[in-house]
N, C-alpha and C. Protein backbone atom coordinates (compact mmCIF):
# COMPACT_ATOMS: atom_id res chain seq x y z
N MET A 1 92.37 115.41 88.25
CA MET A 1 91.74 114.19 87.76
C MET A 1 91.34 114.25 86.37
N LEU A 2 91.29 113.08 85.58
CA LEU A 2 90.72 113.06 84.13
C LEU A 2 89.23 113.39 84.19
N ASN A 3 88.90 114.66 83.75
CA ASN A 3 87.36 114.81 83.55
C ASN A 3 87.15 114.16 82.40
N ASN A 4 85.80 113.61 82.39
CA ASN A 4 85.13 113.01 81.15
C ASN A 4 86.20 111.85 80.83
N LEU A 5 86.02 111.03 81.75
CA LEU A 5 86.95 109.73 81.39
C LEU A 5 86.76 109.18 79.90
N LEU A 6 87.93 109.06 79.16
CA LEU A 6 87.71 108.41 78.04
C LEU A 6 87.33 107.13 78.04
N GLN A 7 86.68 106.66 77.00
CA GLN A 7 86.32 105.06 76.79
C GLN A 7 87.41 104.78 75.76
N VAL A 8 88.62 104.47 76.19
CA VAL A 8 89.69 104.17 75.24
C VAL A 8 89.72 102.78 75.13
N ASN A 9 89.87 102.35 73.66
CA ASN A 9 89.79 100.71 73.46
C ASN A 9 91.20 100.26 73.95
N THR A 10 92.33 101.03 73.36
CA THR A 10 93.58 100.62 73.80
C THR A 10 94.41 101.71 74.02
N LEU A 11 95.14 101.64 75.07
CA LEU A 11 96.15 102.71 75.54
C LEU A 11 97.51 102.19 75.00
N PHE A 12 98.20 102.99 74.20
CA PHE A 12 99.56 102.50 73.96
C PHE A 12 100.57 103.39 74.70
N GLN A 13 101.26 102.75 75.55
CA GLN A 13 102.33 103.55 76.40
C GLN A 13 103.71 103.28 75.70
N LEU A 14 104.17 104.51 75.12
CA LEU A 14 105.46 104.50 74.52
C LEU A 14 106.57 104.96 75.52
N THR A 15 107.72 104.43 75.16
CA THR A 15 108.90 104.88 76.34
C THR A 15 110.07 105.22 75.58
N THR A 16 110.17 104.88 74.22
CA THR A 16 111.59 105.31 73.54
C THR A 16 111.24 106.37 72.62
N ALA A 17 112.38 107.10 72.20
CA ALA A 17 112.39 108.23 71.22
C ALA A 17 112.22 107.79 69.75
N SER A 18 112.36 106.54 69.45
CA SER A 18 112.01 106.20 68.12
C SER A 18 110.60 106.12 67.73
N VAL A 19 110.31 106.25 66.30
CA VAL A 19 108.96 106.18 66.11
C VAL A 19 108.32 104.86 66.14
N PRO A 20 107.24 104.63 66.81
CA PRO A 20 106.87 103.18 67.20
C PRO A 20 106.35 102.50 65.92
N SER A 21 106.74 101.17 66.00
CA SER A 21 106.36 100.31 65.09
C SER A 21 104.95 100.02 65.02
N VAL A 22 104.24 100.41 66.24
CA VAL A 22 102.85 100.14 66.32
C VAL A 22 102.00 101.21 65.69
N LEU A 23 102.66 102.13 65.35
CA LEU A 23 101.77 103.45 64.70
C LEU A 23 100.63 103.05 63.93
N SER A 24 100.93 102.06 63.05
CA SER A 24 99.76 101.71 62.12
C SER A 24 98.56 100.88 62.92
N LEU A 25 98.82 100.49 63.95
CA LEU A 25 97.83 99.63 64.86
C LEU A 25 96.93 100.80 65.63
N ILE A 26 97.30 102.05 65.75
CA ILE A 26 96.60 102.94 66.65
C ILE A 26 95.43 103.40 65.86
N GLY A 27 94.21 103.30 66.55
CA GLY A 27 93.04 103.68 65.86
C GLY A 27 92.56 104.97 66.45
N GLU A 28 91.54 105.62 66.03
CA GLU A 28 91.02 106.89 66.52
C GLU A 28 90.43 106.85 67.76
N ASN A 29 89.91 105.72 68.26
CA ASN A 29 89.36 105.34 69.63
C ASN A 29 90.34 105.03 70.62
N ASP A 30 91.78 105.00 70.17
CA ASP A 30 92.79 104.56 71.05
C ASP A 30 93.55 105.80 71.60
N ALA A 31 94.30 105.52 72.58
CA ALA A 31 95.03 106.71 73.18
C ALA A 31 96.46 106.42 73.20
N VAL A 32 97.37 107.45 73.10
CA VAL A 32 98.70 107.36 73.19
C VAL A 32 99.20 108.04 74.52
N LEU A 33 100.02 107.30 75.24
CA LEU A 33 100.80 107.96 76.38
C LEU A 33 102.14 107.91 76.27
N LEU A 34 102.78 109.17 76.13
CA LEU A 34 104.45 109.38 76.11
C LEU A 34 104.87 109.43 77.42
N ARG A 35 105.87 108.49 77.58
CA ARG A 35 106.41 108.36 78.96
C ARG A 35 108.00 108.37 78.70
N GLN A 36 108.81 108.64 79.57
CA GLN A 36 110.27 108.75 79.56
C GLN A 36 110.70 109.27 78.35
N ASP A 37 111.51 108.72 77.48
CA ASP A 37 112.08 109.40 76.18
C ASP A 37 111.20 109.51 75.17
N SER A 38 109.92 108.90 75.26
CA SER A 38 109.04 108.96 74.04
C SER A 38 108.50 110.48 74.11
N CYS A 39 108.67 111.12 75.20
CA CYS A 39 108.18 112.37 75.20
C CYS A 39 108.82 113.45 74.05
N TYR A 40 109.97 113.05 73.68
CA TYR A 40 110.61 113.72 72.76
C TYR A 40 109.80 113.79 71.29
N LEU A 41 108.91 112.64 71.14
CA LEU A 41 108.10 112.48 69.99
C LEU A 41 107.13 113.58 69.99
N SER A 42 106.86 114.20 71.12
CA SER A 42 105.63 115.22 71.06
C SER A 42 106.17 116.53 70.25
N VAL A 43 107.41 116.72 70.29
CA VAL A 43 107.92 118.01 69.45
C VAL A 43 108.39 117.47 68.08
N SER A 44 108.00 116.39 67.70
CA SER A 44 108.35 116.02 66.32
C SER A 44 107.07 116.22 65.25
N ASN A 45 107.51 116.03 64.10
CA ASN A 45 106.26 116.36 63.13
C ASN A 45 105.53 115.04 62.95
N LEU A 46 105.52 114.09 63.74
CA LEU A 46 104.74 112.95 63.64
C LEU A 46 103.44 113.04 63.41
N GLN A 47 102.69 112.54 62.62
CA GLN A 47 101.19 112.59 62.46
C GLN A 47 100.70 111.47 63.13
N TRP A 48 99.84 111.66 64.33
CA TRP A 48 99.35 110.58 65.17
C TRP A 48 97.98 110.28 64.56
N PRO A 49 97.56 109.04 64.58
CA PRO A 49 96.35 108.61 64.10
C PRO A 49 95.16 108.80 65.16
N THR A 50 95.39 109.37 66.08
CA THR A 50 94.38 109.51 67.15
C THR A 50 94.67 110.97 67.73
N ALA A 51 93.45 111.38 68.21
CA ALA A 51 93.52 112.77 68.99
C ALA A 51 93.80 112.67 70.40
N HIS A 52 93.70 111.45 71.04
CA HIS A 52 93.83 111.20 72.18
C HIS A 52 95.30 110.96 72.68
N LEU A 53 95.98 112.31 72.92
CA LEU A 53 97.43 111.98 73.16
C LEU A 53 97.86 112.54 74.53
N PHE A 54 98.46 111.87 75.23
CA PHE A 54 98.85 112.31 76.64
C PHE A 54 100.34 112.14 76.90
N ALA A 55 100.97 112.95 77.83
CA ALA A 55 102.31 112.82 78.22
C ALA A 55 102.44 112.99 79.86
N LEU A 56 103.28 112.26 80.30
CA LEU A 56 103.54 112.56 81.79
C LEU A 56 104.24 113.86 82.04
N VAL A 57 103.37 114.42 82.96
CA VAL A 57 104.16 115.88 83.19
C VAL A 57 105.63 115.81 83.80
N ASP A 58 105.76 114.84 84.64
CA ASP A 58 107.07 114.82 85.33
C ASP A 58 108.20 114.38 84.18
N ASP A 59 107.84 113.74 83.11
CA ASP A 59 108.81 113.28 82.30
C ASP A 59 109.15 114.40 81.28
N VAL A 60 108.00 115.30 80.95
CA VAL A 60 108.22 116.44 80.10
C VAL A 60 108.95 117.44 80.83
N THR A 61 108.47 117.78 82.05
CA THR A 61 109.42 118.52 82.83
C THR A 61 110.72 118.25 82.97
N PHE A 62 110.97 117.01 83.33
CA PHE A 62 112.48 116.71 83.40
C PHE A 62 113.35 116.81 82.15
N ARG A 63 112.64 116.75 80.92
CA ARG A 63 113.40 116.87 79.78
C ARG A 63 113.21 118.25 79.32
N GLN A 64 112.66 119.20 79.92
CA GLN A 64 112.56 120.55 79.80
C GLN A 64 111.84 120.82 78.28
N LEU A 65 110.85 120.06 78.01
CA LEU A 65 110.09 120.17 76.68
C LEU A 65 108.81 121.16 76.83
N ASN A 66 108.58 121.80 75.69
CA ASN A 66 107.43 122.50 75.55
C ASN A 66 106.29 121.69 74.49
N VAL A 67 105.60 121.01 75.15
CA VAL A 67 104.67 120.14 74.10
C VAL A 67 103.60 120.92 73.68
N PRO A 68 103.14 120.50 72.46
CA PRO A 68 101.91 121.32 71.89
C PRO A 68 100.80 121.00 72.59
N ALA A 69 99.86 122.05 72.32
CA ALA A 69 98.56 122.01 72.99
C ALA A 69 97.66 120.59 72.87
N ASN A 70 97.92 120.04 71.81
CA ASN A 70 97.22 118.89 71.42
C ASN A 70 97.44 117.61 72.43
N ILE A 71 98.51 117.88 73.26
CA ILE A 71 99.04 116.71 73.82
C ILE A 71 98.78 117.12 75.58
N ARG A 72 97.88 116.28 76.12
CA ARG A 72 97.51 116.78 77.40
C ARG A 72 98.61 116.07 78.38
N LEU A 73 98.85 116.98 79.34
CA LEU A 73 99.89 116.68 80.20
C LEU A 73 99.08 116.06 81.47
N ILE A 74 99.37 114.77 81.88
CA ILE A 74 98.81 114.28 83.19
C ILE A 74 99.76 113.83 84.18
N ASN A 75 99.39 113.62 85.44
CA ASN A 75 100.23 113.22 86.51
C ASN A 75 100.07 111.72 86.81
N ASP A 76 100.62 111.23 87.72
CA ASP A 76 100.74 109.79 87.94
C ASP A 76 99.35 109.30 88.35
N VAL A 77 98.58 109.86 89.16
CA VAL A 77 97.18 109.51 89.48
C VAL A 77 96.37 109.39 88.16
N GLU A 78 96.51 110.47 87.32
CA GLU A 78 95.68 110.48 86.08
C GLU A 78 96.15 109.30 85.26
N TRP A 79 97.44 108.97 85.08
CA TRP A 79 97.96 107.78 84.46
C TRP A 79 97.41 106.61 84.88
N VAL A 80 97.28 106.35 86.20
CA VAL A 80 96.54 105.13 86.73
C VAL A 80 95.17 105.04 86.26
N THR A 81 94.52 106.36 86.38
CA THR A 81 93.17 106.12 85.97
C THR A 81 92.99 105.79 84.51
N LEU A 82 93.78 106.43 83.66
CA LEU A 82 93.69 106.14 82.38
C LEU A 82 94.00 104.64 81.85
N CYS A 83 94.98 103.99 82.62
CA CYS A 83 95.13 102.71 82.58
C CYS A 83 93.94 101.82 82.93
N ALA A 84 93.42 102.23 84.06
CA ALA A 84 92.38 101.35 84.65
C ALA A 84 90.98 101.45 83.68
N THR A 85 90.83 102.49 83.01
CA THR A 85 89.59 102.71 82.23
C THR A 85 89.77 102.17 80.76
N ALA A 86 91.04 101.99 80.44
CA ALA A 86 91.17 101.43 79.12
C ALA A 86 90.73 100.07 78.97
N LYS A 87 90.33 99.67 77.81
CA LYS A 87 90.01 98.32 77.63
C LYS A 87 91.32 97.42 77.73
N ARG A 88 92.30 97.87 77.00
CA ARG A 88 93.70 97.15 76.92
C ARG A 88 94.68 98.19 77.05
N VAL A 89 95.83 97.89 77.56
CA VAL A 89 97.15 98.51 77.73
C VAL A 89 98.25 97.85 77.11
N ILE A 90 98.77 98.52 76.27
CA ILE A 90 99.98 97.99 75.57
C ILE A 90 101.25 98.78 75.84
N SER A 91 102.26 98.38 76.51
CA SER A 91 103.50 99.01 76.73
C SER A 91 104.48 98.69 75.58
N CYS A 92 104.96 99.65 74.71
CA CYS A 92 105.90 99.48 73.70
C CYS A 92 107.08 100.61 73.72
């Protein structure tokens, strides 16, 4: 489970491998969840505007990626918890 639940303003759920157009909208109190092909962004040199970075462990495992330590791998239950605790959830 997610220890110390984050008080996230907005959770941005990304699903594609392209650099998100909403990147400039992400603030330091927001979180980013990498899902599906957006997991490939975890191994890019992209500078994220928040330290709250997550990726679904099943998506990362399927793609055989070694994500950096600053991206926390979460399971489906933790994903639901993260969505439920965020003030807003935006899928892009």
